[in-house]
């Protein structure tokens, strides 16, 4: 699978995430998909950090990562490791 294929399905992945875990959706909805190599999906939150207020989720996201991974698996059928940059 290529990054562009994941990007093409990203809204469906987020919809699946929202239906299972709204807090996880809030934490990940503004991620930019930076790269996908060797099963590792890199997410970029630099744009969202520019406008972060009291709703910064960087400390919460590690606890919610498995929900995003499950949404990716259920939507496009691949297992991924997720890292942030």
Foldseek 3Di string as FASTA:
>chain_A
DFPVVCVVCVVVLLVQLCVPPVVLSLQPVQWDFDGADPQETETECVVVVVVDDVPHCPVPNVVCVVSSQVSCCVRVNDGHHYDYD
